[in-house]
Amino acid sequence: MISNRYGIFFNFQLIILAILFGLISNVSLAAVQRVGIAAAVNPATKGTPPGGNDRVVVVGSKLLQNERIVTSDKGRTQLLFLDGSALTIGPNSDLVLDEFVYDPETKSGKLAFSATKGLFRLVGGKISKKTAVTFNPHFPDELVNRCPEMEI
């Protein structure tokens, strides 16, 4: 009978710890804003969420604000943002999803990304109908004067 009491008490502690861990992990995930999904990936793309580890991006992967996206020499991917904007990323590309703010009520917000290399194509969604999308290239010094920050 005594061992049963301790077993129940121990199980109760485990349940409390599991609940607390779930709440803490949800709070940390809630602090990082989801900005969209990977709509197409062919074949190798990596994502690095802020403060996280590298992961392979697959179709349906959730994308987070400040996530770094890198494609291989054969990789291509298309990101679909919550406002309907689509960003196609070519091979050997490296970019960061700097900022995404979208209010579905007013259909306005801000989309900004930066890149160190690569080929990109943006098809604007609802945000671009009201405000410009910011693209900030970070290329080698010899290209800086020819590639300033652009609004698309």
N, C-alpha and C. Protein backbone atom coordinates (compact mmCIF):
# COMPACT_ATOMS: atom_id res chain seq x y z
N MET A 1 0.83 -1.20 0.00
CA MET A 1 0.00 0.00 0.00
C MET A 1 0.86 1.26 0.00
N ILE A 2 1.97 1.25 0.75
CA ILE A 2 2.83 2.43 0.81
C ILE A 2 3.48 2.69 -0.54
N SER A 3 3.97 1.64 -1.21
CA SER A 3 4.62 1.82 -2.51
C SER A 3 3.64 2.35 -3.54
N ASN A 4 2.37 1.99 -3.44
CA ASN A 4 1.35 2.48 -4.36
C ASN A 4 1.16 3.99 -4.20
N ARG A 5 1.19 4.49 -2.94
CA ARG A 5 1.06 5.93 -2.70
C ARG A 5 2.21 6.69 -3.36
N TYR A 6 3.42 6.17 -3.16
CA TYR A 6 4.58 6.83 -3.76
C TYR A 6 4.51 6.79 -5.28
N GLY A 7 4.01 5.69 -5.81
CA GLY A 7 3.86 5.56 -7.26
C GLY A 7 2.88 6.59 -7.81
N ILE A 8 1.76 6.76 -7.13
CA ILE A 8 0.77 7.76 -7.54
C ILE A 8 1.36 9.17 -7.45
N PHE A 9 2.06 9.44 -6.33
CA PHE A 9 2.68 10.75 -6.14
C PHE A 9 3.72 11.01 -7.24
N PHE A 10 4.53 10.00 -7.56
CA PHE A 10 5.55 10.14 -8.61
C PHE A 10 4.90 10.38 -9.97
N ASN A 11 3.82 9.65 -10.29
CA ASN A 11 3.11 9.85 -11.55
C ASN A 11 2.52 11.25 -11.64
N PHE A 12 1.98 11.73 -10.51
CA PHE A 12 1.41 13.07 -10.46
C PHE A 12 2.49 14.12 -10.76
N GLN A 13 3.70 13.94 -10.19
CA GLN A 13 4.80 14.86 -10.45
C GLN A 13 5.19 14.85 -11.93
N LEU A 14 5.22 13.66 -12.52
CA LEU A 14 5.56 13.56 -13.95
C LEU A 14 4.53 14.29 -14.81
N ILE A 15 3.27 14.17 -14.46
CA ILE A 15 2.21 14.85 -15.22
C ILE A 15 2.38 16.36 -15.11
N ILE A 16 2.63 16.86 -13.90
CA ILE A 16 2.84 18.30 -13.70
C ILE A 16 4.04 18.78 -14.50
N LEU A 17 5.16 18.04 -14.47
CA LEU A 17 6.35 18.41 -15.25
C LEU A 17 6.06 18.44 -16.74
N ALA A 18 5.30 17.47 -17.22
CA ALA A 18 4.96 17.42 -18.65
C ALA A 18 4.12 18.63 -19.04
N ILE A 19 3.17 18.99 -18.20
CA ILE A 19 2.33 20.16 -18.49
C ILE A 19 3.17 21.43 -18.50
N LEU A 20 4.03 21.60 -17.50
CA LEU A 20 4.88 22.79 -17.44
C LEU A 20 5.82 22.85 -18.64
N PHE A 21 6.41 21.73 -19.03
CA PHE A 21 7.29 21.70 -20.19
C PHE A 21 6.53 22.10 -21.45
N GLY A 22 5.30 21.61 -21.58
CA GLY A 22 4.47 21.97 -22.74
C GLY A 22 4.16 23.45 -22.78
N LEU A 23 3.85 24.02 -21.62
CA LEU A 23 3.57 25.46 -21.58
C LEU A 23 4.81 26.28 -21.91
N ILE A 24 5.97 25.89 -21.38
CA ILE A 24 7.20 26.63 -21.64
C ILE A 24 7.57 26.54 -23.11
N SER A 25 7.47 25.35 -23.71
CA SER A 25 7.84 25.22 -25.11
C SER A 25 6.87 25.98 -26.00
N ASN A 26 5.57 26.02 -25.65
CA ASN A 26 4.61 26.79 -26.44
C ASN A 26 4.89 28.28 -26.35
N VAL A 27 5.31 28.76 -25.18
CA VAL A 27 5.64 30.17 -25.03
C VAL A 27 6.83 30.53 -25.91
N SER A 28 7.86 29.68 -25.92
CA SER A 28 9.04 29.99 -26.73
C SER A 28 8.71 29.94 -28.22
N LEU A 29 7.85 29.02 -28.66
CA LEU A 29 7.46 28.97 -30.06
C LEU A 29 6.57 30.15 -30.43
N ALA A 30 5.73 30.57 -29.48
CA ALA A 30 4.84 31.70 -29.76
C ALA A 30 5.62 32.99 -29.95
N ALA A 31 6.81 33.08 -29.35
CA ALA A 31 7.62 34.29 -29.46
C ALA A 31 8.19 34.45 -30.87
N VAL A 32 8.29 33.37 -31.64
CA VAL A 32 8.79 33.43 -33.00
C VAL A 32 7.59 33.34 -33.94
N GLN A 33 7.40 34.36 -34.74
CA GLN A 33 6.23 34.46 -35.59
C GLN A 33 6.34 33.59 -36.84
N ARG A 34 5.30 32.81 -37.11
CA ARG A 34 5.22 32.03 -38.34
C ARG A 34 4.86 32.99 -39.48
N VAL A 35 5.58 32.89 -40.61
CA VAL A 35 5.35 33.81 -41.71
C VAL A 35 4.78 33.14 -42.94
N GLY A 36 4.88 31.82 -43.03
CA GLY A 36 4.36 31.12 -44.20
C GLY A 36 4.81 29.68 -44.21
N ILE A 37 4.77 29.07 -45.42
CA ILE A 37 5.16 27.67 -45.59
C ILE A 37 6.01 27.52 -46.84
N ALA A 38 6.70 26.39 -46.91
CA ALA A 38 7.41 26.02 -48.13
C ALA A 38 6.39 25.34 -49.03
N ALA A 39 6.11 25.95 -50.18
CA ALA A 39 5.10 25.42 -51.09
C ALA A 39 5.69 24.42 -52.07
N ALA A 40 6.98 24.58 -52.39
CA ALA A 40 7.67 23.65 -53.30
C ALA A 40 9.14 23.61 -52.91
N VAL A 41 9.72 22.42 -52.97
CA VAL A 41 11.14 22.27 -52.66
C VAL A 41 11.72 21.23 -53.62
N ASN A 42 12.83 21.60 -54.29
CA ASN A 42 13.43 20.70 -55.26
C ASN A 42 14.93 20.90 -55.33
N PRO A 43 15.77 20.01 -54.97
CA PRO A 43 15.60 18.94 -54.00
C PRO A 43 16.15 19.27 -52.63
N ALA A 44 17.14 20.20 -52.50
CA ALA A 44 17.79 20.36 -51.20
C ALA A 44 17.79 21.81 -50.75
N THR A 45 17.04 22.07 -49.68
CA THR A 45 16.98 23.39 -49.07
C THR A 45 17.07 23.21 -47.57
N LYS A 46 17.87 24.05 -46.92
CA LYS A 46 17.99 24.01 -45.46
C LYS A 46 17.41 25.29 -44.88
N GLY A 47 16.83 25.18 -43.71
CA GLY A 47 16.35 26.32 -42.98
C GLY A 47 16.96 26.32 -41.59
N THR A 48 17.26 27.52 -41.10
CA THR A 48 17.78 27.66 -39.74
C THR A 48 16.91 28.68 -39.01
N PRO A 49 15.97 28.19 -38.18
CA PRO A 49 15.14 29.12 -37.42
C PRO A 49 15.99 29.90 -36.42
N PRO A 50 15.54 31.07 -35.99
CA PRO A 50 16.31 31.84 -35.01
C PRO A 50 16.52 31.03 -33.73
N GLY A 51 17.79 30.90 -33.34
CA GLY A 51 18.12 30.16 -32.14
C GLY A 51 17.95 28.66 -32.27
N GLY A 52 17.73 28.17 -33.50
CA GLY A 52 17.50 26.74 -33.69
C GLY A 52 18.60 26.07 -34.49
N ASN A 53 18.42 24.81 -34.75
CA ASN A 53 19.36 24.02 -35.53
C ASN A 53 18.93 23.97 -36.99
N ASP A 54 19.90 23.68 -37.88
CA ASP A 54 19.58 23.49 -39.29
C ASP A 54 18.56 22.37 -39.43
N ARG A 55 17.67 22.54 -40.41
CA ARG A 55 16.70 21.49 -40.71
C ARG A 55 16.50 21.45 -42.21
N VAL A 56 16.12 20.31 -42.71
CA VAL A 56 15.81 20.19 -44.13
C VAL A 56 14.41 20.73 -44.32
N VAL A 57 14.26 21.63 -45.29
CA VAL A 57 12.95 22.20 -45.59
C VAL A 57 12.25 21.27 -46.59
N VAL A 58 11.05 20.87 -46.28
CA VAL A 58 10.24 20.04 -47.15
C VAL A 58 8.93 20.77 -47.44
N VAL A 59 8.19 20.30 -48.42
CA VAL A 59 6.90 20.91 -48.74
C VAL A 59 6.03 20.87 -47.48
N GLY A 60 5.48 22.02 -47.13
CA GLY A 60 4.64 22.14 -45.95
C GLY A 60 5.38 22.60 -44.70
N SER A 61 6.71 22.72 -44.77
CA SER A 61 7.46 23.20 -43.60
C SER A 61 7.02 24.61 -43.25
N LYS A 62 6.80 24.86 -41.96
CA LYS A 62 6.45 26.20 -41.49
C LYS A 62 7.71 27.06 -41.48
N LEU A 63 7.58 28.28 -41.95
CA LEU A 63 8.70 29.22 -41.99
C LEU A 63 8.49 30.27 -40.92
N LEU A 64 9.57 30.65 -40.28
CA LEU A 64 9.51 31.58 -39.16
C LEU A 64 10.22 32.88 -39.50
N GLN A 65 9.79 33.95 -38.85
CA GLN A 65 10.47 35.23 -39.01
C GLN A 65 11.92 35.09 -38.57
N ASN A 66 12.81 35.71 -39.31
CA ASN A 66 14.26 35.68 -39.09
C ASN A 66 14.89 34.32 -39.38
N GLU A 67 14.18 33.46 -40.07
CA GLU A 67 14.75 32.17 -40.46
C GLU A 67 15.66 32.36 -41.67
N ARG A 68 16.78 31.65 -41.65
CA ARG A 68 17.72 31.68 -42.77
C ARG A 68 17.40 30.50 -43.68
N ILE A 69 17.30 30.76 -44.98
CA ILE A 69 17.01 29.74 -45.98
C ILE A 69 18.20 29.64 -46.92
N VAL A 70 18.74 28.43 -47.10
CA VAL A 70 19.89 28.20 -47.97
C VAL A 70 19.57 27.06 -48.92
N THR A 71 19.79 27.29 -50.22
CA THR A 71 19.60 26.23 -51.21
C THR A 71 20.94 25.71 -51.68
N SER A 72 20.99 24.45 -52.07
CA SER A 72 22.21 23.83 -52.59
C SER A 72 22.38 24.21 -54.06
N ASP A 73 23.43 23.68 -54.68
CA ASP A 73 23.65 23.98 -56.10
C ASP A 73 22.56 23.41 -56.98
N LYS A 74 21.80 22.45 -56.49
CA LYS A 74 20.67 21.89 -57.25
C LYS A 74 19.33 22.27 -56.62
N GLY A 75 19.38 22.98 -55.53
CA GLY A 75 18.16 23.28 -54.78
C GLY A 75 17.39 24.46 -55.32
N ARG A 76 16.10 24.37 -55.20
CA ARG A 76 15.17 25.46 -55.51
C ARG A 76 14.01 25.31 -54.56
N THR A 77 13.42 26.43 -54.21
CA THR A 77 12.26 26.35 -53.33
C THR A 77 11.34 27.54 -53.58
N GLN A 78 10.10 27.37 -53.22
CA GLN A 78 9.14 28.46 -53.30
C GLN A 78 8.48 28.60 -51.94
N LEU A 79 8.52 29.81 -51.42
CA LEU A 79 7.93 30.11 -50.12
C LEU A 79 6.61 30.83 -50.35
N LEU A 80 5.59 30.43 -49.65
CA LEU A 80 4.29 31.07 -49.75
C LEU A 80 3.99 31.74 -48.41
N PHE A 81 3.88 33.07 -48.44
CA PHE A 81 3.65 33.84 -47.22
C PHE A 81 2.16 33.93 -46.91
N LEU A 82 1.84 34.30 -45.67
CA LEU A 82 0.45 34.33 -45.21
C LEU A 82 -0.42 35.32 -45.97
N ASP A 83 0.18 36.32 -46.61
CA ASP A 83 -0.60 37.29 -47.37
C ASP A 83 -0.79 36.87 -48.82
N GLY A 84 -0.22 35.72 -49.20
CA GLY A 84 -0.32 35.24 -50.57
C GLY A 84 0.89 35.56 -51.42
N SER A 85 1.86 36.29 -50.89
CA SER A 85 3.10 36.56 -51.63
C SER A 85 3.85 35.24 -51.82
N ALA A 86 4.52 35.10 -52.96
CA ALA A 86 5.30 33.90 -53.24
C ALA A 86 6.73 34.32 -53.60
N LEU A 87 7.70 33.74 -52.92
CA LEU A 87 9.10 34.03 -53.18
C LEU A 87 9.75 32.74 -53.68
N THR A 88 10.22 32.77 -54.93
CA THR A 88 10.93 31.63 -55.50
C THR A 88 12.42 31.87 -55.33
N ILE A 89 13.11 30.86 -54.84
CA ILE A 89 14.54 30.97 -54.55
C ILE A 89 15.27 29.97 -55.43
N GLY A 90 16.26 30.45 -56.18
CA GLY A 90 17.02 29.61 -57.08
C GLY A 90 18.16 28.88 -56.39
N PRO A 91 18.95 28.13 -57.18
CA PRO A 91 20.08 27.38 -56.64
C PRO A 91 21.15 28.30 -56.05
N ASN A 92 21.93 27.75 -55.11
CA ASN A 92 23.04 28.47 -54.47
C ASN A 92 22.61 29.82 -53.89
N SER A 93 21.51 29.84 -53.22
CA SER A 93 20.99 31.09 -52.65
C SER A 93 21.05 31.03 -51.13
N ASP A 94 21.11 32.23 -50.54
CA ASP A 94 21.20 32.36 -49.09
C ASP A 94 20.46 33.63 -48.70
N LEU A 95 19.37 33.49 -47.95
CA LEU A 95 18.61 34.67 -47.54
C LEU A 95 18.05 34.50 -46.15
N VAL A 96 17.63 35.62 -45.58
CA VAL A 96 17.00 35.64 -44.26
C VAL A 96 15.66 36.34 -44.39
N LEU A 97 14.63 35.75 -43.81
CA LEU A 97 13.29 36.33 -43.79
C LEU A 97 13.23 37.34 -42.65
N ASP A 98 13.68 38.56 -42.93
CA ASP A 98 13.89 39.56 -41.88
C ASP A 98 12.62 39.97 -41.15
N GLU A 99 11.59 40.29 -41.90
CA GLU A 99 10.40 40.83 -41.24
C GLU A 99 9.16 40.48 -42.04
N PHE A 100 8.14 40.05 -41.32
CA PHE A 100 6.84 39.81 -41.93
C PHE A 100 5.79 40.19 -40.92
N VAL A 101 5.02 41.20 -41.24
CA VAL A 101 3.91 41.64 -40.41
C VAL A 101 2.72 41.75 -41.33
N TYR A 102 1.62 41.12 -40.98
CA TYR A 102 0.44 41.14 -41.85
C TYR A 102 -0.82 41.18 -41.02
N ASP A 103 -1.69 42.13 -41.36
CA ASP A 103 -2.99 42.25 -40.71
C ASP A 103 -4.05 41.85 -41.74
N PRO A 104 -4.66 40.68 -41.59
CA PRO A 104 -5.64 40.24 -42.58
C PRO A 104 -6.88 41.12 -42.65
N GLU A 105 -7.19 41.83 -41.56
CA GLU A 105 -8.35 42.73 -41.56
C GLU A 105 -8.16 43.88 -42.54
N THR A 106 -6.99 44.53 -42.47
CA THR A 106 -6.73 45.68 -43.34
C THR A 106 -5.98 45.29 -44.61
N LYS A 107 -5.54 44.02 -44.67
CA LYS A 107 -4.75 43.50 -45.80
C LYS A 107 -3.51 44.35 -46.05
N SER A 108 -2.87 44.72 -44.95
CA SER A 108 -1.64 45.51 -45.06
C SER A 108 -0.60 44.94 -44.12
N GLY A 109 0.65 45.37 -44.31
CA GLY A 109 1.72 44.89 -43.47
C GLY A 109 3.07 45.23 -44.06
N LYS A 110 4.06 44.42 -43.72
CA LYS A 110 5.41 44.66 -44.20
C LYS A 110 6.10 43.32 -44.43
N LEU A 111 6.81 43.22 -45.55
CA LEU A 111 7.61 42.04 -45.88
C LEU A 111 9.00 42.52 -46.24
N ALA A 112 10.01 41.98 -45.56
CA ALA A 112 11.40 42.36 -45.82
C ALA A 112 12.27 41.12 -45.73
N PHE A 113 13.21 41.00 -46.66
CA PHE A 113 14.18 39.92 -46.59
C PHE A 113 15.52 40.41 -47.09
N SER A 114 16.58 39.74 -46.66
CA SER A 114 17.93 40.11 -47.08
C SER A 114 18.62 38.86 -47.61
N ALA A 115 19.63 39.10 -48.47
CA ALA A 115 20.32 37.98 -49.09
C ALA A 115 21.79 38.29 -49.26
N THR A 116 22.60 37.23 -49.22
CA THR A 116 24.03 37.38 -49.49
C THR A 116 24.38 36.86 -50.87
N LYS A 117 23.56 35.95 -51.41
CA LYS A 117 23.78 35.46 -52.77
C LYS A 117 22.52 34.77 -53.26
N GLY A 118 22.41 34.66 -54.58
CA GLY A 118 21.32 33.88 -55.13
C GLY A 118 20.47 34.60 -56.14
N LEU A 119 19.46 33.86 -56.56
CA LEU A 119 18.49 34.33 -57.55
C LEU A 119 17.11 34.23 -56.92
N PHE A 120 16.33 35.32 -57.02
CA PHE A 120 15.05 35.37 -56.34
C PHE A 120 13.99 35.96 -57.27
N ARG A 121 12.76 35.49 -57.09
CA ARG A 121 11.63 36.05 -57.83
C ARG A 121 10.47 36.18 -56.86
N LEU A 122 9.95 37.39 -56.74
CA LEU A 122 8.85 37.64 -55.82
C LEU A 122 7.59 37.97 -56.60
N VAL A 123 6.53 37.26 -56.31
CA VAL A 123 5.20 37.59 -56.84
C VAL A 123 4.43 38.11 -55.64
N GLY A 124 4.11 39.39 -55.69
CA GLY A 124 3.51 40.06 -54.55
C GLY A 124 2.12 39.58 -54.21
N GLY A 125 1.83 39.59 -52.93
CA GLY A 125 0.50 39.26 -52.42
C GLY A 125 -0.21 40.52 -51.96
N LYS A 126 -1.00 40.39 -50.92
CA LYS A 126 -1.82 41.51 -50.45
C LYS A 126 -0.98 42.66 -49.90
N ILE A 127 0.15 42.34 -49.24
CA ILE A 127 0.99 43.41 -48.69
C ILE A 127 1.50 44.32 -49.80
N SER A 128 1.98 43.75 -50.89
CA SER A 128 2.58 44.55 -51.95
C SER A 128 1.56 45.42 -52.69
N LYS A 129 0.30 45.18 -52.48
CA LYS A 129 -0.74 46.02 -53.11
C LYS A 129 -0.83 47.38 -52.40
N LYS A 130 -0.37 47.42 -51.12
CA LYS A 130 -0.47 48.66 -50.34
C LYS A 130 0.88 49.26 -49.97
N THR A 131 1.89 48.42 -49.78
CA THR A 131 3.22 48.92 -49.40
C THR A 131 4.29 48.14 -50.16
N ALA A 132 5.44 48.76 -50.27
CA ALA A 132 6.55 48.12 -50.98
C ALA A 132 7.15 47.00 -50.13
N VAL A 133 7.68 45.99 -50.81
CA VAL A 133 8.42 44.91 -50.16
C VAL A 133 9.89 45.30 -50.18
N THR A 134 10.58 45.13 -49.05
CA THR A 134 11.98 45.54 -48.95
C THR A 134 12.91 44.34 -49.16
N PHE A 135 13.84 44.51 -50.09
CA PHE A 135 14.88 43.51 -50.34
C PHE A 135 16.21 44.18 -50.09
N ASN A 136 16.99 43.63 -49.18
CA ASN A 136 18.26 44.22 -48.79
C ASN A 136 19.39 43.25 -49.14
N PRO A 137 20.06 43.46 -50.29
CA PRO A 137 21.16 42.56 -50.64
C PRO A 137 22.42 42.87 -49.84
N HIS A 138 23.11 41.84 -49.43
CA HIS A 138 24.38 41.97 -48.71
C HIS A 138 25.45 41.25 -49.52
N PHE A 139 25.89 41.89 -50.58
CA PHE A 139 26.86 41.30 -51.49
C PHE A 139 28.25 41.84 -51.20
N PRO A 140 29.29 41.26 -51.82
CA PRO A 140 30.65 41.74 -51.60
C PRO A 140 30.79 43.24 -51.85
N ASP A 141 31.80 43.85 -51.22
CA ASP A 141 31.99 45.30 -51.27
C ASP A 141 32.00 45.87 -52.68
N GLU A 142 32.57 45.16 -53.64
CA GLU A 142 32.65 45.71 -54.99
C GLU A 142 31.27 45.84 -55.65
N LEU A 143 30.26 45.17 -55.09
CA LEU A 143 28.92 45.26 -55.66
C LEU A 143 28.00 46.18 -54.88
N VAL A 144 28.41 46.61 -53.70
CA VAL A 144 27.52 47.37 -52.82
C VAL A 144 26.97 48.62 -53.50
N ASN A 145 27.79 49.38 -54.18
CA ASN A 145 27.33 50.61 -54.81
C ASN A 145 26.37 50.34 -55.96
N ARG A 146 26.45 49.16 -56.54
CA ARG A 146 25.57 48.84 -57.65
C ARG A 146 24.28 48.15 -57.19
N CYS A 147 24.24 47.68 -55.95
CA CYS A 147 23.08 46.93 -55.45
C CYS A 147 22.59 47.51 -54.11
N PRO A 148 22.01 48.70 -54.10
CA PRO A 148 21.53 49.25 -52.83
C PRO A 148 20.26 48.52 -52.40
N GLU A 149 19.77 48.87 -51.20
CA GLU A 149 18.50 48.32 -50.76
C GLU A 149 17.43 48.71 -51.76
N MET A 150 16.55 47.77 -52.04
CA MET A 150 15.51 48.01 -53.04
C MET A 150 14.15 47.80 -52.44
N GLU A 151 13.20 48.54 -52.93
CA GLU A 151 11.80 48.29 -52.60
C GLU A 151 11.15 47.77 -53.86
N ILE A 152 10.43 46.68 -53.69
CA ILE A 152 9.82 46.02 -54.85
C ILE A 152 8.33 46.26 -54.84
